[in-house]
Amino acid sequence: MADLLSTVNGFFSTVLGNPMYVLLMIGGLALFMLLVVAHRIHKIRSEEIFVHQAWGANWKGR
C-alpha cells in the first residue's frame, strides 16, 4: 500500500511540476466532456417525439 501511495505522489508531483502536462490533462478532460455531451445530444435527438393526445392525434412532428 505504501508503494502505491508513493507512486501516486510521484505522478502528481511530476504532473504539477510541468505546466504542459497540466494543460494536456485539462484538454483531455475537456475533450472527454465534449464527447459525452455530443453523445447525449445525439441520443436525445434520435428519440421519437411524444405527443400527448390532447395536443392532437394527427400531429406528424417536425
C-alpha atoms as a PDB file:
ATOM      1  CA  MET A   1       0.000   0.000   0.000  1.00  0.00           C
ATOM      2  CA  ALA A   2       2.874   2.373   0.759  1.00  0.00           C
ATOM      3  CA  ASP A   3       4.360   1.682  -2.683  1.00  0.00           C
ATOM      4  CA  LEU A   4       1.056   2.643  -4.337  1.00  0.00           C
ATOM      5  CA  LEU A   5       0.920   5.853  -2.316  1.00  0.00           C
ATOM      6  CA  SER A   6       4.465   6.832  -3.292  1.00  0.00           C
ATOM      7  CA  THR A   7       3.694   6.073  -6.954  1.00  0.00           C
ATOM      8  CA  VAL A   8       0.601   8.293  -6.914  1.00  0.00           C
ATOM      9  CA  ASN A   9       2.513  11.014  -5.094  1.00  0.00           C
ATOM     10  CA  GLY A  10       5.315  10.857  -7.675  1.00  0.00           C
ATOM     11  CA  PHE A  11       2.816  11.030 -10.533  1.00  0.00           C
ATOM     12  CA  PHE A  12       1.142  14.154  -9.185  1.00  0.00           C
ATOM     13  CA  SER A  13       4.433  15.856  -8.378  1.00  0.00           C
ATOM     14  CA  THR A  14       5.598  15.209 -11.951  1.00  0.00           C
ATOM     15  CA  VAL A  15       2.343  16.440 -13.489  1.00  0.00           C
ATOM     16  CA  LEU A  16       2.161  19.559 -11.338  1.00  0.00           C
ATOM     17  CA  GLY A  17       5.841  20.286 -11.935  1.00  0.00           C
ATOM     18  CA  ASN A  18       5.380  20.635 -15.694  1.00  0.00           C
ATOM     19  CA  PRO A  19       2.727  23.130 -16.913  1.00  0.00           C
ATOM     20  CA  MET A  20       2.471  21.347 -20.264  1.00  0.00           C
ATOM     21  CA  TYR A  21       1.227  18.188 -18.541  1.00  0.00           C
ATOM     22  CA  VAL A  22      -1.375  20.221 -16.660  1.00  0.00           C
ATOM     23  CA  LEU A  23      -2.633  21.789 -19.884  1.00  0.00           C
ATOM     24  CA  LEU A  24      -2.656  18.401 -21.596  1.00  0.00           C
ATOM     25  CA  MET A  25      -4.720  16.860 -18.798  1.00  0.00           C
ATOM     26  CA  ILE A  26      -7.173  19.780 -18.807  1.00  0.00           C
ATOM     27  CA  GLY A  27      -7.502  19.497 -22.591  1.00  0.00           C
ATOM     28  CA  GLY A  28      -8.094  15.758 -22.357  1.00  0.00           C
ATOM     29  CA  LEU A  29     -10.760  16.256 -19.713  1.00  0.00           C
ATOM     30  CA  ALA A  30     -12.445  18.974 -21.810  1.00  0.00           C
ATOM     31  CA  LEU A  31     -12.408  16.709 -24.879  1.00  0.00           C
ATOM     32  CA  PHE A  32     -13.941  13.851 -22.887  1.00  0.00           C
ATOM     33  CA  MET A  33     -16.696  16.128 -21.550  1.00  0.00           C
ATOM     34  CA  LEU A  34     -17.387  17.437 -25.065  1.00  0.00           C
ATOM     35  CA  LEU A  35     -17.711  13.901 -26.416  1.00  0.00           C
ATOM     36  CA  VAL A  36     -20.091  12.923 -23.596  1.00  0.00           C
ATOM     37  CA  VAL A  37     -22.288  15.981 -24.226  1.00  0.00           C
ATOM     38  CA  ALA A  38     -22.303  15.382 -28.006  1.00  0.00           C
ATOM     39  CA  HIS A  39     -23.266  11.735 -27.459  1.00  0.00           C
ATOM     40  CA  ARG A  40     -26.091  12.761 -25.127  1.00  0.00           C
ATOM     41  CA  ILE A  41     -27.402  15.363 -27.591  1.00  0.00           C
ATOM     42  CA  HIS A  42     -27.354  12.790 -30.405  1.00  0.00           C
ATOM     43  CA  LYS A  43     -29.185  10.316 -28.176  1.00  0.00           C
ATOM     44  CA  ILE A  44     -31.874  12.871 -27.307  1.00  0.00           C
ATOM     45  CA  ARG A  45     -32.335  13.991 -30.935  1.00  0.00           C
ATOM     46  CA  SER A  46     -32.758  10.419 -32.162  1.00  0.00           C
ATOM     47  CA  GLU A  47     -35.623   9.667 -29.754  1.00  0.00           C
ATOM     48  CA  GLU A  48     -39.153   9.770 -31.069  1.00  0.00           C
ATOM     49  CA  ILE A  49     -41.197  12.792 -30.032  1.00  0.00           C
ATOM     50  CA  PHE A  50     -44.010  12.009 -27.619  1.00  0.00           C
ATOM     51  CA  VAL A  51     -47.181  13.951 -28.369  1.00  0.00           C
ATOM     52  CA  HIS A  52     -49.905  13.999 -25.774  1.00  0.00           C
ATOM     53  CA  GLN A  53     -53.359  13.029 -27.007  1.00  0.00           C
ATOM     54  CA  ALA A  54     -54.774  16.417 -26.039  1.00  0.00           C
ATOM     55  CA  TRP A  55     -52.395  18.109 -28.500  1.00  0.00           C
ATOM     56  CA  GLY A  56     -53.931  16.264 -31.422  1.00  0.00           C
ATOM     57  CA  ALA A  57     -53.680  12.714 -32.632  1.00  0.00           C
ATOM     58  CA  ASN A  58     -52.912  13.781 -36.208  1.00  0.00           C
ATOM     59  CA  TRP A  59     -49.791  15.795 -35.388  1.00  0.00           C
ATOM     60  CA  LYS A  60     -46.945  14.499 -37.577  1.00  0.00           C
ATOM     61  CA  GLY A  61     -43.958  16.131 -35.864  1.00  0.00           C
ATOM     62  CA  ARG A  62     -41.337  18.305 -37.497  1.00  0.00           C
END
